[in-house]
Amino acid sequence: MRKSYVNNNIKQKEFDALIKITVEMSRYLYPYIREILKSKEDHEDNSVIWNDFNKRFIELIKERFNIDSIRVKKLLNQAETDEIIIKYLLTLSLCISNQGNQKLKKFLFDF
């Protein structure tokens, strides 16, 4: 889906390392993740946070992904984008536990 796509298989050690980095970053960013999710529920008071995050998410997709791809176009669809963002943020917030590595691996394998 990326613009600079390389067809290389990732090694198990590299995959595990990326999982560990993602889980640690989730722990670090957990307060921000919670605030974003909370702002989605409370449109009147905190909609600025959600809108800023959503806008930046879309910008990053357009900047780094191949926007001609059907899967990327689906990400850019506003109705589906909100659901996808919420799913990703909830997954990251659930990965901060002690079993976060296993939870994230299971999520990615099921994806």
N, C-alpha and C. Protein backbone atom coordinates (compact mmCIF):
# COMPACT_ATOMS: atom_id res chain seq x y z
N MET A 1 0.82 -1.19 0.00
CA MET A 1 0.00 0.00 0.00
C MET A 1 0.86 1.26 0.00
N ARG A 2 2.13 1.12 0.38
CA ARG A 2 3.00 2.29 0.44
C ARG A 2 3.50 2.66 -0.94
N LYS A 3 3.92 3.91 -1.09
CA LYS A 3 4.47 4.37 -2.36
C LYS A 3 5.77 3.66 -2.68
N SER A 4 6.62 3.47 -1.67
CA SER A 4 7.92 2.83 -1.88
C SER A 4 7.85 1.38 -1.39
N TYR A 5 7.04 0.60 -2.06
CA TYR A 5 6.79 -0.78 -1.66
C TYR A 5 7.95 -1.67 -2.09
N VAL A 6 8.43 -2.48 -1.17
CA VAL A 6 9.47 -3.46 -1.46
C VAL A 6 8.93 -4.81 -1.03
N ASN A 7 9.04 -5.77 -1.90
CA ASN A 7 8.47 -7.10 -1.62
C ASN A 7 9.50 -7.97 -0.90
N ASN A 8 9.78 -7.64 0.34
CA ASN A 8 10.67 -8.45 1.16
C ASN A 8 9.88 -8.99 2.34
N ASN A 9 10.14 -10.23 2.67
CA ASN A 9 9.51 -10.80 3.85
C ASN A 9 10.28 -10.37 5.08
N ILE A 10 9.54 -10.03 6.11
CA ILE A 10 10.17 -9.60 7.35
C ILE A 10 10.55 -10.85 8.15
N LYS A 11 11.70 -10.80 8.78
CA LYS A 11 12.16 -11.91 9.60
C LYS A 11 11.45 -11.88 10.94
N GLN A 12 11.36 -13.03 11.59
CA GLN A 12 10.66 -13.14 12.86
C GLN A 12 11.26 -12.22 13.92
N LYS A 13 12.57 -12.12 13.98
CA LYS A 13 13.22 -11.25 14.98
C LYS A 13 12.88 -9.78 14.71
N GLU A 14 12.85 -9.39 13.46
CA GLU A 14 12.49 -8.01 13.11
C GLU A 14 11.04 -7.73 13.47
N PHE A 15 10.16 -8.69 13.20
CA PHE A 15 8.75 -8.55 13.54
C PHE A 15 8.57 -8.39 15.04
N ASP A 16 9.25 -9.23 15.82
CA ASP A 16 9.17 -9.15 17.28
C ASP A 16 9.69 -7.81 17.79
N ALA A 17 10.77 -7.32 17.17
CA ALA A 17 11.33 -6.03 17.57
C ALA A 17 10.35 -4.89 17.28
N LEU A 18 9.69 -4.93 16.12
CA LEU A 18 8.70 -3.91 15.79
C LEU A 18 7.51 -3.96 16.73
N ILE A 19 7.11 -5.16 17.13
CA ILE A 19 6.03 -5.30 18.10
C ILE A 19 6.42 -4.66 19.42
N LYS A 20 7.63 -4.94 19.88
CA LYS A 20 8.10 -4.38 21.16
C LYS A 20 8.15 -2.85 21.10
N ILE A 21 8.65 -2.32 20.02
CA ILE A 21 8.71 -0.85 19.86
C ILE A 21 7.31 -0.26 19.87
N THR A 22 6.39 -0.88 19.15
CA THR A 22 5.02 -0.38 19.07
C THR A 22 4.34 -0.41 20.44
N VAL A 23 4.55 -1.49 21.19
CA VAL A 23 3.94 -1.60 22.52
C VAL A 23 4.52 -0.53 23.45
N GLU A 24 5.82 -0.33 23.41
CA GLU A 24 6.43 0.69 24.27
C GLU A 24 5.96 2.10 23.90
N MET A 25 5.83 2.37 22.61
CA MET A 25 5.32 3.67 22.19
C MET A 25 3.86 3.83 22.60
N SER A 26 3.08 2.76 22.56
CA SER A 26 1.69 2.81 23.01
C SER A 26 1.60 3.16 24.48
N ARG A 27 2.50 2.57 25.27
CA ARG A 27 2.52 2.89 26.70
C ARG A 27 2.85 4.36 26.91
N TYR A 28 3.81 4.84 26.16
CA TYR A 28 4.23 6.24 26.28
C TYR A 28 3.12 7.19 25.84
N LEU A 29 2.42 6.84 24.77
CA LEU A 29 1.40 7.71 24.19
C LEU A 29 -0.01 7.44 24.71
N TYR A 30 -0.16 6.55 25.66
CA TYR A 30 -1.48 6.16 26.15
C TYR A 30 -2.34 7.35 26.59
N PRO A 31 -1.80 8.32 27.35
CA PRO A 31 -2.66 9.45 27.72
C PRO A 31 -3.21 10.21 26.50
N TYR A 32 -2.39 10.36 25.48
CA TYR A 32 -2.83 11.03 24.26
C TYR A 32 -3.87 10.19 23.52
N ILE A 33 -3.65 8.87 23.46
CA ILE A 33 -4.60 7.98 22.81
C ILE A 33 -5.95 8.06 23.51
N ARG A 34 -5.93 8.04 24.83
CA ARG A 34 -7.19 8.15 25.59
C ARG A 34 -7.90 9.45 25.30
N GLU A 35 -7.15 10.53 25.23
CA GLU A 35 -7.75 11.85 24.96
C GLU A 35 -8.39 11.89 23.58
N ILE A 36 -7.75 11.27 22.60
CA ILE A 36 -8.31 11.24 21.25
C ILE A 36 -9.61 10.45 21.23
N LEU A 37 -9.60 9.27 21.86
CA LEU A 37 -10.81 8.45 21.90
C LEU A 37 -11.93 9.15 22.67
N LYS A 38 -11.57 9.81 23.75
CA LYS A 38 -12.56 10.55 24.53
C LYS A 38 -13.16 11.69 23.70
N SER A 39 -12.32 12.36 22.93
CA SER A 39 -12.80 13.48 22.12
C SER A 39 -13.76 13.02 21.03
N LYS A 40 -13.60 11.80 20.56
CA LYS A 40 -14.52 11.26 19.55
C LYS A 40 -15.91 11.07 20.15
N GLU A 41 -15.97 10.65 21.42
CA GLU A 41 -17.25 10.44 22.09
C GLU A 41 -17.93 11.76 22.43
N ASP A 42 -17.15 12.77 22.77
CA ASP A 42 -17.68 14.04 23.24
C ASP A 42 -17.46 15.11 22.17
N HIS A 43 -18.35 15.14 21.19
CA HIS A 43 -18.18 16.02 20.03
C HIS A 43 -18.14 17.50 20.39
N GLU A 44 -18.94 17.92 21.33
CA GLU A 44 -19.08 19.35 21.61
C GLU A 44 -17.85 19.94 22.29
N ASP A 45 -17.30 19.24 23.27
CA ASP A 45 -16.21 19.81 24.05
C ASP A 45 -14.83 19.59 23.43
N ASN A 46 -14.58 18.42 22.89
CA ASN A 46 -13.23 18.07 22.47
C ASN A 46 -13.10 17.73 20.99
N SER A 47 -13.99 18.17 20.17
CA SER A 47 -13.95 17.78 18.76
C SER A 47 -12.69 18.27 18.06
N VAL A 48 -12.05 19.29 18.58
CA VAL A 48 -10.83 19.82 17.97
C VAL A 48 -9.73 18.76 17.98
N ILE A 49 -9.60 18.04 19.08
CA ILE A 49 -8.56 17.01 19.20
C ILE A 49 -8.79 15.92 18.17
N TRP A 50 -10.04 15.43 18.09
CA TRP A 50 -10.35 14.37 17.12
C TRP A 50 -10.13 14.87 15.70
N ASN A 51 -10.60 16.05 15.38
CA ASN A 51 -10.46 16.59 14.02
C ASN A 51 -9.00 16.79 13.64
N ASP A 52 -8.19 17.28 14.57
CA ASP A 52 -6.75 17.44 14.30
C ASP A 52 -6.08 16.10 14.04
N PHE A 53 -6.40 15.12 14.87
CA PHE A 53 -5.81 13.80 14.70
C PHE A 53 -6.26 13.18 13.38
N ASN A 54 -7.53 13.27 13.09
CA ASN A 54 -8.09 12.71 11.86
C ASN A 54 -7.45 13.38 10.63
N LYS A 55 -7.33 14.67 10.68
CA LYS A 55 -6.72 15.43 9.57
C LYS A 55 -5.28 14.99 9.36
N ARG A 56 -4.53 14.85 10.44
CA ARG A 56 -3.12 14.44 10.34
C ARG A 56 -3.01 13.00 9.82
N PHE A 57 -3.90 12.14 10.26
CA PHE A 57 -3.92 10.75 9.79
C PHE A 57 -4.11 10.71 8.27
N ILE A 58 -5.08 11.47 7.78
CA ILE A 58 -5.35 11.53 6.33
C ILE A 58 -4.14 12.10 5.58
N GLU A 59 -3.53 13.14 6.13
CA GLU A 59 -2.35 13.74 5.49
C GLU A 59 -1.22 12.72 5.37
N LEU A 60 -0.99 11.96 6.42
CA LEU A 60 0.08 10.95 6.39
C LEU A 60 -0.21 9.86 5.38
N ILE A 61 -1.46 9.46 5.28
CA ILE A 61 -1.83 8.44 4.28
C ILE A 61 -1.56 8.97 2.88
N LYS A 62 -2.00 10.19 2.60
CA LYS A 62 -1.80 10.77 1.27
C LYS A 62 -0.32 10.97 0.96
N GLU A 63 0.45 11.29 1.97
CA GLU A 63 1.88 11.54 1.78
C GLU A 63 2.67 10.26 1.57
N ARG A 64 2.34 9.20 2.27
CA ARG A 64 3.19 8.02 2.29
C ARG A 64 2.63 6.81 1.56
N PHE A 65 1.36 6.82 1.24
CA PHE A 65 0.74 5.65 0.62
C PHE A 65 0.40 5.94 -0.83
N ASN A 66 0.21 4.87 -1.58
CA ASN A 66 -0.19 4.96 -2.97
C ASN A 66 -1.71 5.18 -3.01
N ILE A 67 -2.12 6.41 -3.28
CA ILE A 67 -3.54 6.74 -3.20
C ILE A 67 -4.35 6.18 -4.37
N ASP A 68 -3.71 5.53 -5.32
CA ASP A 68 -4.42 4.88 -6.41
C ASP A 68 -4.88 3.47 -6.02
N SER A 69 -4.36 2.96 -4.93
CA SER A 69 -4.73 1.63 -4.46
C SER A 69 -6.15 1.64 -3.90
N ILE A 70 -6.88 0.58 -4.16
CA ILE A 70 -8.26 0.46 -3.67
C ILE A 70 -8.28 0.45 -2.15
N ARG A 71 -7.35 -0.25 -1.52
CA ARG A 71 -7.31 -0.32 -0.06
C ARG A 71 -7.02 1.05 0.55
N VAL A 72 -6.19 1.83 -0.10
CA VAL A 72 -5.88 3.17 0.41
C VAL A 72 -7.07 4.09 0.20
N LYS A 73 -7.75 3.97 -0.91
CA LYS A 73 -8.96 4.77 -1.14
C LYS A 73 -10.00 4.48 -0.06
N LYS A 74 -10.07 3.23 0.37
CA LYS A 74 -10.99 2.86 1.43
C LYS A 74 -10.60 3.58 2.73
N LEU A 75 -9.31 3.72 2.99
CA LEU A 75 -8.85 4.44 4.17
C LEU A 75 -9.21 5.92 4.11
N LEU A 76 -9.24 6.46 2.91
CA LEU A 76 -9.53 7.88 2.74
C LEU A 76 -11.02 8.19 2.75
N ASN A 77 -11.86 7.17 2.70
CA ASN A 77 -13.30 7.35 2.79
C ASN A 77 -13.64 7.76 4.22
N GLN A 78 -14.22 8.93 4.40
CA GLN A 78 -14.43 9.51 5.73
C GLN A 78 -15.22 8.60 6.66
N ALA A 79 -16.28 7.98 6.18
CA ALA A 79 -17.11 7.14 7.04
C ALA A 79 -16.32 5.93 7.55
N GLU A 80 -15.52 5.33 6.68
CA GLU A 80 -14.74 4.16 7.09
C GLU A 80 -13.49 4.56 7.85
N THR A 81 -12.96 5.73 7.58
CA THR A 81 -11.74 6.17 8.25
C THR A 81 -11.95 6.30 9.75
N ASP A 82 -13.06 6.85 10.17
CA ASP A 82 -13.34 6.99 11.60
C ASP A 82 -13.35 5.64 12.29
N GLU A 83 -13.99 4.66 11.68
CA GLU A 83 -14.04 3.32 12.26
C GLU A 83 -12.66 2.69 12.33
N ILE A 84 -11.88 2.87 11.29
CA ILE A 84 -10.52 2.30 11.25
C ILE A 84 -9.64 2.95 12.31
N ILE A 85 -9.71 4.26 12.41
CA ILE A 85 -8.90 4.97 13.41
C ILE A 85 -9.26 4.51 14.82
N ILE A 86 -10.55 4.42 15.10
CA ILE A 86 -10.98 3.97 16.43
C ILE A 86 -10.49 2.56 16.71
N LYS A 87 -10.58 1.69 15.73
CA LYS A 87 -10.11 0.31 15.89
C LYS A 87 -8.62 0.28 16.19
N TYR A 88 -7.83 1.04 15.45
CA TYR A 88 -6.38 1.07 15.66
C TYR A 88 -6.03 1.66 17.03
N LEU A 89 -6.69 2.74 17.40
CA LEU A 89 -6.40 3.37 18.69
C LEU A 89 -6.80 2.46 19.86
N LEU A 90 -7.93 1.79 19.74
CA LEU A 90 -8.33 0.85 20.78
C LEU A 90 -7.34 -0.32 20.88
N THR A 91 -6.89 -0.80 19.75
CA THR A 91 -5.90 -1.88 19.75
C THR A 91 -4.62 -1.43 20.43
N LEU A 92 -4.15 -0.23 20.11
CA LEU A 92 -2.94 0.28 20.74
C LEU A 92 -3.13 0.49 22.24
N SER A 93 -4.30 0.97 22.62
CA SER A 93 -4.54 1.19 24.05
C SER A 93 -4.63 -0.13 24.81
N LEU A 94 -5.08 -1.19 24.17
CA LEU A 94 -5.14 -2.49 24.83
C LEU A 94 -3.78 -3.18 24.89
N CYS A 95 -2.82 -2.67 24.12
CA CYS A 95 -1.49 -3.29 24.08
C CYS A 95 -0.56 -2.78 25.17
N ILE A 96 -1.03 -1.93 26.05
CA ILE A 96 -0.15 -1.40 27.08
C ILE A 96 -0.04 -2.31 28.29
N SER A 97 -0.83 -3.38 28.31
CA SER A 97 -0.80 -4.30 29.44
C SER A 97 0.48 -5.15 29.40
N ASN A 98 0.62 -6.00 30.39
CA ASN A 98 1.79 -6.88 30.46
C ASN A 98 1.83 -7.87 29.30
N GLN A 99 0.67 -8.25 28.80
CA GLN A 99 0.61 -9.17 27.67
C GLN A 99 0.42 -8.42 26.35
N GLY A 100 0.84 -7.17 26.31
CA GLY A 100 0.65 -6.33 25.13
C GLY A 100 1.27 -6.89 23.88
N ASN A 101 2.47 -7.49 24.03
CA ASN A 101 3.14 -8.05 22.85
C ASN A 101 2.29 -9.15 22.21
N GLN A 102 1.75 -10.05 23.05
CA GLN A 102 0.95 -11.15 22.52
C GLN A 102 -0.36 -10.63 21.91
N LYS A 103 -0.97 -9.63 22.54
CA LYS A 103 -2.22 -9.07 22.02
C LYS A 103 -2.01 -8.43 20.65
N LEU A 104 -0.94 -7.67 20.52
CA LEU A 104 -0.68 -7.01 19.24
C LEU A 104 -0.33 -8.02 18.15
N LYS A 105 0.45 -9.04 18.49
CA LYS A 105 0.77 -10.08 17.51
C LYS A 105 -0.50 -10.76 17.03
N LYS A 106 -1.37 -11.11 17.95
CA LYS A 106 -2.62 -11.78 17.58
C LYS A 106 -3.47 -10.88 16.67
N PHE A 107 -3.54 -9.60 17.01
CA PHE A 107 -4.29 -8.67 16.18
C PHE A 107 -3.72 -8.61 14.78
N LEU A 108 -2.40 -8.51 14.66
CA LEU A 108 -1.78 -8.40 13.34
C LEU A 108 -1.90 -9.68 12.54
N PHE A 109 -1.81 -10.83 13.20
CA PHE A 109 -1.97 -12.09 12.47
C PHE A 109 -3.41 -12.27 11.99
N ASP A 110 -4.37 -11.76 12.75
CA ASP A 110 -5.78 -11.85 12.35
C ASP A 110 -6.16 -10.81 11.31
N PHE A 111 -5.33 -9.78 11.14
CA PHE A 111 -5.61 -8.70 10.21
C PHE A 111 -5.48 -9.22 8.81
